[in-house]
Amino acid sequence: MKILLLFAALLHAVLAQDTATSLSSLQSLSCSGAQCDIVASTSDSRTVPLRLVFWSQASVQWWLAVDGNFSNVGAAADVIVGTPQPVALQTPVDRGAFWEISTLPESTEPLLTVRLTKSPLLLSVLLEGAELLRETAPLAWNSSSSWQTLARDSASLPAGLTKEWFFGGGMQNGALLTLPPAPPCALTRGGAHLS
């Protein structure tokens, strides 16, 4: 009986340590150049910083720093391939329930818009007003993983695109890719392994 109680206590301790934490609400937003810094409250009553980095007129990085450190060293050094292109942003607009951040319109590039719902903090990305992706649950993490929950087939896609869009991210070099539902296992881009 003692062994069973000890096992149950240890299991409870392990499970308690690995409980998921998620974003709660947007506390502050400030943009400068092609970067927006965000502070969000969490489900465990802390705050964490996030960043939106517009790498081009058609790509944006959604970056969570659970430990408060935005670092491009070590394992994170090869997350982004290439260098950011100059991107001009419109002044963020507070639309009540959400903030809207858009690139300045250019004649050769589509208008990219990011919406940040305030509470809970959720991200959606629109291209020329068509929703490309929408989070259905806040970003979440535990001691070993982080995850993003996206809606499926939320809106019609821009002309010529069918099926779902798949987005590279994290250890896939942060590259925005449109992949078939069953991509090949050895994708590379610029010599960097993507799968």
C-alpha atoms as a PDB file:
ATOM      1  CA  MET A   1       0.000   0.000   0.000  1.00  0.00           C
ATOM      2  CA  LYS A   2       2.851   2.397   0.827  1.00  0.00           C
ATOM      3  CA  ILE A   3       4.410   1.815  -2.607  1.00  0.00           C
ATOM      4  CA  LEU A   4       1.103   2.532  -4.328  1.00  0.00           C
ATOM      5  CA  LEU A   5       0.659   5.778  -2.352  1.00  0.00           C
ATOM      6  CA  LEU A   6       4.242   6.817  -3.093  1.00  0.00           C
ATOM      7  CA  PHE A   7       3.718   6.094  -6.810  1.00  0.00           C
ATOM      8  CA  ALA A   8       0.468   8.110  -6.799  1.00  0.00           C
ATOM      9  CA  ALA A   9       2.219  11.026  -5.057  1.00  0.00           C
ATOM     10  CA  LEU A  10       5.104  10.963  -7.551  1.00  0.00           C
ATOM     11  CA  LEU A  11       2.719  10.750 -10.506  1.00  0.00           C
ATOM     12  CA  HIS A  12       0.734  13.681  -9.136  1.00  0.00           C
ATOM     13  CA  ALA A  13       3.961  15.706  -8.734  1.00  0.00           C
ATOM     14  CA  VAL A  14       5.051  14.935 -12.313  1.00  0.00           C
ATOM     15  CA  LEU A  15       1.637  15.787 -13.758  1.00  0.00           C
ATOM     16  CA  ALA A  16       1.476  18.991 -11.701  1.00  0.00           C
ATOM     17  CA  GLN A  17       4.841  20.095 -13.122  1.00  0.00           C
ATOM     18  CA  ASP A  18       3.748  19.502 -16.702  1.00  0.00           C
ATOM     19  CA  THR A  19       0.421  21.290 -16.594  1.00  0.00           C
ATOM     20  CA  ALA A  20      -0.182  23.381 -19.679  1.00  0.00           C
ATOM     21  CA  THR A  21      -0.062  27.148 -19.476  1.00  0.00           C
ATOM     22  CA  SER A  22      -1.710  29.317 -22.126  1.00  0.00           C
ATOM     23  CA  LEU A  23      -1.995  32.950 -23.085  1.00  0.00           C
ATOM     24  CA  SER A  24      -4.867  34.772 -21.464  1.00  0.00           C
ATOM     25  CA  SER A  25      -5.273  38.402 -22.520  1.00  0.00           C
ATOM     26  CA  LEU A  26      -3.335  41.070 -24.353  1.00  0.00           C
ATOM     27  CA  GLN A  27      -1.896  43.575 -21.869  1.00  0.00           C
ATOM     28  CA  SER A  28       0.107  45.900 -24.136  1.00  0.00           C
ATOM     29  CA  LEU A  29       1.069  46.394 -27.780  1.00  0.00           C
ATOM     30  CA  SER A  30       3.717  48.665 -29.286  1.00  0.00           C
ATOM     31  CA  CYS A  31       5.068  48.667 -32.839  1.00  0.00           C
ATOM     32  CA  SER A  32       8.260  50.124 -34.261  1.00  0.00           C
ATOM     33  CA  GLY A  33       9.479  49.524 -37.789  1.00  0.00           C
ATOM     34  CA  ALA A  34       8.420  46.023 -38.848  1.00  0.00           C
ATOM     35  CA  GLN A  35       8.198  44.652 -35.294  1.00  0.00           C
ATOM     36  CA  CYS A  36       5.404  44.704 -32.732  1.00  0.00           C
ATOM     37  CA  ASP A  37       6.117  43.877 -29.079  1.00  0.00           C
ATOM     38  CA  ILE A  38       3.273  42.413 -27.060  1.00  0.00           C
ATOM     39  CA  VAL A  39       2.839  41.555 -23.391  1.00  0.00           C
ATOM     40  CA  ALA A  40       0.175  38.988 -22.520  1.00  0.00           C
ATOM     41  CA  SER A  41      -1.123  37.606 -19.254  1.00  0.00           C
ATOM     42  CA  THR A  42      -1.143  33.832 -18.839  1.00  0.00           C
ATOM     43  CA  SER A  43      -3.492  31.249 -17.376  1.00  0.00           C
ATOM     44  CA  ASP A  44      -1.161  30.941 -14.370  1.00  0.00           C
ATOM     45  CA  SER A  45      -1.252  34.705 -13.600  1.00  0.00           C
ATOM     46  CA  ARG A  46       2.140  35.639 -15.065  1.00  0.00           C
ATOM     47  CA  THR A  47       2.993  37.768 -18.073  1.00  0.00           C
ATOM     48  CA  VAL A  48       5.017  36.755 -21.125  1.00  0.00           C
ATOM     49  CA  PRO A  49       6.381  38.753 -24.059  1.00  0.00           C
ATOM     50  CA  LEU A  50       5.506  37.998 -27.677  1.00  0.00           C
ATOM     51  CA  ARG A  51       6.590  39.516 -30.971  1.00  0.00           C
ATOM     52  CA  LEU A  52       5.165  39.925 -34.410  1.00  0.00           C
ATOM     53  CA  VAL A  53       7.958  40.404 -36.937  1.00  0.00           C
ATOM     54  CA  PHE A  54       6.908  41.253 -40.485  1.00  0.00           C
ATOM     55  CA  TRP A  55       9.646  39.660 -42.609  1.00  0.00           C
ATOM     56  CA  SER A  56       8.157  40.814 -45.902  1.00  0.00           C
ATOM     57  CA  GLN A  57       4.885  42.114 -47.301  1.00  0.00           C
ATOM     58  CA  ALA A  58       3.614  38.515 -47.266  1.00  0.00           C
ATOM     59  CA  SER A  59       5.181  36.851 -44.206  1.00  0.00           C
ATOM     60  CA  VAL A  60       4.998  37.404 -40.475  1.00  0.00           C
ATOM     61  CA  GLN A  61       6.585  35.623 -37.522  1.00  0.00           C
ATOM     62  CA  TRP A  62       4.536  35.075 -34.318  1.00  0.00           C
ATOM     63  CA  TRP A  63       7.168  34.624 -31.597  1.00  0.00           C
ATOM     64  CA  LEU A  64       6.516  33.621 -27.980  1.00  0.00           C
ATOM     65  CA  ALA A  65       9.311  33.924 -25.393  1.00  0.00           C
ATOM     66  CA  VAL A  66       8.085  31.871 -22.445  1.00  0.00           C
ATOM     67  CA  ASP A  67      11.312  32.601 -20.541  1.00  0.00           C
ATOM     68  CA  GLY A  68      11.248  36.283 -21.548  1.00  0.00           C
ATOM     69  CA  ASN A  69      14.289  35.902 -23.807  1.00  0.00           C
ATOM     70  CA  PHE A  70      14.015  36.446 -27.569  1.00  0.00           C
ATOM     71  CA  SER A  71      17.203  34.745 -28.690  1.00  0.00           C
ATOM     72  CA  ASN A  72      18.692  33.850 -32.054  1.00  0.00           C
ATOM     73  CA  VAL A  73      21.442  31.683 -30.613  1.00  0.00           C
ATOM     74  CA  GLY A  74      21.835  27.952 -30.169  1.00  0.00           C
ATOM     75  CA  ALA A  75      18.880  25.915 -31.399  1.00  0.00           C
ATOM     76  CA  ALA A  76      17.057  29.111 -32.413  1.00  0.00           C
ATOM     77  CA  ALA A  77      19.879  30.372 -34.643  1.00  0.00           C
ATOM     78  CA  ASP A  78      18.512  28.776 -37.828  1.00  0.00           C
ATOM     79  CA  VAL A  79      14.801  29.306 -37.212  1.00  0.00           C
ATOM     80  CA  ILE A  80      14.540  32.050 -39.849  1.00  0.00           C
ATOM     81  CA  VAL A  81      16.160  31.663 -43.257  1.00  0.00           C
ATOM     82  CA  GLY A  82      17.196  34.887 -44.954  1.00  0.00           C
ATOM     83  CA  THR A  83      16.996  38.467 -43.784  1.00  0.00           C
ATOM     84  CA  PRO A  84      13.948  40.648 -43.262  1.00  0.00           C
ATOM     85  CA  GLN A  85      12.897  42.907 -46.108  1.00  0.00           C
ATOM     86  CA  PRO A  86      11.953  46.500 -45.333  1.00  0.00           C
ATOM     87  CA  VAL A  87       8.268  46.493 -44.434  1.00  0.00           C
ATOM     88  CA  ALA A  88       6.208  49.550 -43.599  1.00  0.00           C
ATOM     89  CA  LEU A  89       3.305  49.052 -41.204  1.00  0.00           C
ATOM     90  CA  GLN A  90       0.202  51.125 -40.815  1.00  0.00           C
ATOM     91  CA  THR A  91      -0.460  52.447 -37.316  1.00  0.00           C
ATOM     92  CA  PRO A  92      -2.135  49.623 -35.320  1.00  0.00           C
ATOM     93  CA  VAL A  93      -5.884  50.160 -34.981  1.00  0.00           C
ATOM     94  CA  ASP A  94      -7.830  49.319 -31.818  1.00  0.00           C
ATOM     95  CA  ARG A  95     -11.130  47.851 -33.050  1.00  0.00           C
ATOM     96  CA  GLY A  96     -12.564  47.182 -29.592  1.00  0.00           C
ATOM     97  CA  ALA A  97     -12.368  43.393 -29.250  1.00  0.00           C
ATOM     98  CA  PHE A  98      -9.139  43.168 -31.273  1.00  0.00           C
ATOM     99  CA  TRP A  99      -6.107  45.061 -32.569  1.00  0.00           C
ATOM    100  CA  GLU A 100      -5.483  45.166 -36.310  1.00  0.00           C
ATOM    101  CA  ILE A 101      -1.954  45.550 -37.721  1.00  0.00           C
ATOM    102  CA  SER A 102      -1.509  45.848 -41.490  1.00  0.00           C
ATOM    103  CA  THR A 103       1.291  46.403 -43.934  1.00  0.00           C
ATOM    104  CA  LEU A 104       1.109  49.553 -46.024  1.00  0.00           C
ATOM    105  CA  PRO A 105      -0.495  48.753 -49.380  1.00  0.00           C
ATOM    106  CA  GLU A 106       1.927  48.404 -52.289  1.00  0.00           C
ATOM    107  CA  SER A 107       0.906  48.047 -55.904  1.00  0.00           C
ATOM    108  CA  THR A 108       2.892  44.821 -56.375  1.00  0.00           C
ATOM    109  CA  GLU A 109       2.225  43.126 -53.027  1.00  0.00           C
ATOM    110  CA  PRO A 110      -0.999  42.031 -51.319  1.00  0.00           C
ATOM    111  CA  LEU A 111      -2.127  43.674 -48.093  1.00  0.00           C
ATOM    112  CA  LEU A 112      -1.195  41.493 -45.090  1.00  0.00           C
ATOM    113  CA  THR A 113      -3.215  42.037 -41.906  1.00  0.00           C
ATOM    114  CA  VAL A 114      -2.784  40.482 -38.473  1.00  0.00           C
ATOM    115  CA  ARG A 115      -5.628  40.609 -35.979  1.00  0.00           C
ATOM    116  CA  LEU A 116      -4.953  40.078 -32.287  1.00  0.00           C
ATOM    117  CA  THR A 117      -8.108  39.331 -30.314  1.00  0.00           C
ATOM    118  CA  LYS A 118      -7.629  40.864 -26.865  1.00  0.00           C
ATOM    119  CA  SER A 119      -9.176  38.272 -24.563  1.00  0.00           C
ATOM    120  CA  PRO A 120      -8.297  35.553 -24.964  1.00  0.00           C
ATOM    121  CA  LEU A 121      -5.274  36.590 -27.030  1.00  0.00           C
ATOM    122  CA  LEU A 122      -5.745  34.907 -30.416  1.00  0.00           C
ATOM    123  CA  LEU A 123      -4.031  35.591 -33.737  1.00  0.00           C
ATOM    124  CA  SER A 124      -5.540  35.575 -37.205  1.00  0.00           C
ATOM    125  CA  VAL A 125      -3.834  36.400 -40.501  1.00  0.00           C
ATOM    126  CA  LEU A 126      -5.604  37.886 -43.502  1.00  0.00           C
ATOM    127  CA  LEU A 127      -4.316  38.439 -47.022  1.00  0.00           C
ATOM    128  CA  GLU A 128      -6.290  41.036 -48.976  1.00  0.00           C
ATOM    129  CA  GLY A 129      -9.106  40.573 -46.463  1.00  0.00           C
ATOM    130  CA  ALA A 130      -9.332  36.774 -46.902  1.00  0.00           C
ATOM    131  CA  GLU A 131      -8.615  34.867 -43.703  1.00  0.00           C
ATOM    132  CA  LEU A 132      -5.634  32.540 -44.138  1.00  0.00           C
ATOM    133  CA  LEU A 133      -5.420  31.258 -40.608  1.00  0.00           C
ATOM    134  CA  ARG A 134      -7.124  31.748 -37.265  1.00  0.00           C
ATOM    135  CA  GLU A 135      -6.213  30.434 -33.853  1.00  0.00           C
ATOM    136  CA  THR A 136      -9.099  28.729 -32.063  1.00  0.00           C
ATOM    137  CA  ALA A 137      -7.271  28.485 -28.736  1.00  0.00           C
ATOM    138  CA  PRO A 138      -4.498  30.621 -27.254  1.00  0.00           C
ATOM    139  CA  LEU A 139      -0.858  29.596 -27.658  1.00  0.00           C
ATOM    140  CA  ALA A 140      -0.062  27.039 -24.965  1.00  0.00           C
ATOM    141  CA  TRP A 141       3.008  25.304 -23.547  1.00  0.00           C
ATOM    142  CA  ASN A 142       4.250  22.929 -20.874  1.00  0.00           C
ATOM    143  CA  SER A 143       7.749  21.926 -19.777  1.00  0.00           C
ATOM    144  CA  SER A 144       8.595  20.203 -23.067  1.00  0.00           C
ATOM    145  CA  SER A 145       6.369  21.583 -25.841  1.00  0.00           C
ATOM    146  CA  SER A 146       4.448  24.533 -27.168  1.00  0.00           C
ATOM    147  CA  TRP A 147       1.513  24.408 -29.557  1.00  0.00           C
ATOM    148  CA  GLN A 148      -0.796  26.505 -31.669  1.00  0.00           C
ATOM    149  CA  THR A 149      -4.378  25.461 -32.405  1.00  0.00           C
ATOM    150  CA  LEU A 150      -5.694  26.624 -35.781  1.00  0.00           C
ATOM    151  CA  ALA A 151      -9.161  26.548 -37.318  1.00  0.00           C
ATOM    152  CA  ARG A 152      -9.681  24.305 -40.328  1.00  0.00           C
ATOM    153  CA  ASP A 153     -11.139  25.646 -43.583  1.00  0.00           C
ATOM    154  CA  SER A 154     -12.317  28.834 -41.902  1.00  0.00           C
ATOM    155  CA  ALA A 155     -12.940  30.886 -45.042  1.00  0.00           C
ATOM    156  CA  SER A 156     -12.614  30.734 -48.783  1.00  0.00           C
ATOM    157  CA  LEU A 157      -9.013  31.059 -49.892  1.00  0.00           C
ATOM    158  CA  PRO A 158      -7.706  33.569 -52.412  1.00  0.00           C
ATOM    159  CA  ALA A 159      -8.313  32.720 -56.086  1.00  0.00           C
ATOM    160  CA  GLY A 160      -6.415  29.687 -57.334  1.00  0.00           C
ATOM    161  CA  LEU A 161      -5.749  28.133 -53.922  1.00  0.00           C
ATOM    162  CA  THR A 162      -7.439  24.974 -52.764  1.00  0.00           C
ATOM    163  CA  LYS A 163      -7.268  22.658 -49.748  1.00  0.00           C
ATOM    164  CA  GLU A 164      -5.687  23.794 -46.506  1.00  0.00           C
ATOM    165  CA  TRP A 165      -2.574  25.881 -46.114  1.00  0.00           C
ATOM    166  CA  PHE A 166       0.297  24.406 -44.149  1.00  0.00           C
ATOM    167  CA  PHE A 167       2.719  26.785 -42.530  1.00  0.00           C
ATOM    168  CA  GLY A 168       6.335  26.044 -41.677  1.00  0.00           C
ATOM    169  CA  GLY A 169       7.448  27.308 -38.315  1.00  0.00           C
ATOM    170  CA  GLY A 170       9.541  26.683 -35.283  1.00  0.00           C
ATOM    171  CA  MET A 171      12.366  24.343 -36.168  1.00  0.00           C
ATOM    172  CA  GLN A 172      11.318  24.362 -39.810  1.00  0.00           C
ATOM    173  CA  ASN A 173      13.253  27.585 -40.308  1.00  0.00           C
ATOM    174  CA  GLY A 174      10.222  29.793 -39.876  1.00  0.00           C
ATOM    175  CA  ALA A 175       9.646  29.575 -43.617  1.00  0.00           C
ATOM    176  CA  LEU A 176       6.132  30.257 -44.841  1.00  0.00           C
ATOM    177  CA  LEU A 177       5.338  27.370 -47.161  1.00  0.00           C
ATOM    178  CA  THR A 178       2.300  26.082 -48.957  1.00  0.00           C
ATOM    179  CA  LEU A 179       2.615  22.319 -48.897  1.00  0.00           C
ATOM    180  CA  PRO A 180       0.437  19.491 -50.139  1.00  0.00           C
ATOM    181  CA  PRO A 181      -1.390  17.558 -47.408  1.00  0.00           C
ATOM    182  CA  ALA A 182       1.250  14.799 -47.597  1.00  0.00           C
ATOM    183  CA  PRO A 183       4.570  16.616 -48.214  1.00  0.00           C
ATOM    184  CA  PRO A 184       7.719  14.690 -49.108  1.00  0.00           C
ATOM    185  CA  CYS A 185       9.860  13.714 -46.128  1.00  0.00           C
ATOM    186  CA  ALA A 186      13.077  15.430 -47.203  1.00  0.00           C
ATOM    187  CA  LEU A 187      12.151  19.031 -47.906  1.00  0.00           C
ATOM    188  CA  THR A 188      14.995  21.525 -48.009  1.00  0.00           C
ATOM    189  CA  ARG A 189      15.173  25.238 -48.600  1.00  0.00           C
ATOM    190  CA  GLY A 190      18.455  27.024 -49.052  1.00  0.00           C
ATOM    191  CA  GLY A 191      20.280  23.929 -47.828  1.00  0.00           C
ATOM    192  CA  ALA A 192      18.302  23.882 -44.560  1.00  0.00           C
ATOM    193  CA  HIS A 193      16.405  20.673 -43.802  1.00  0.00           C
ATOM    194  CA  LEU A 194      12.681  21.399 -43.292  1.00  0.00           C
ATOM    195  CA  SER A 195      11.212  18.086 -42.192  1.00  0.00           C
END
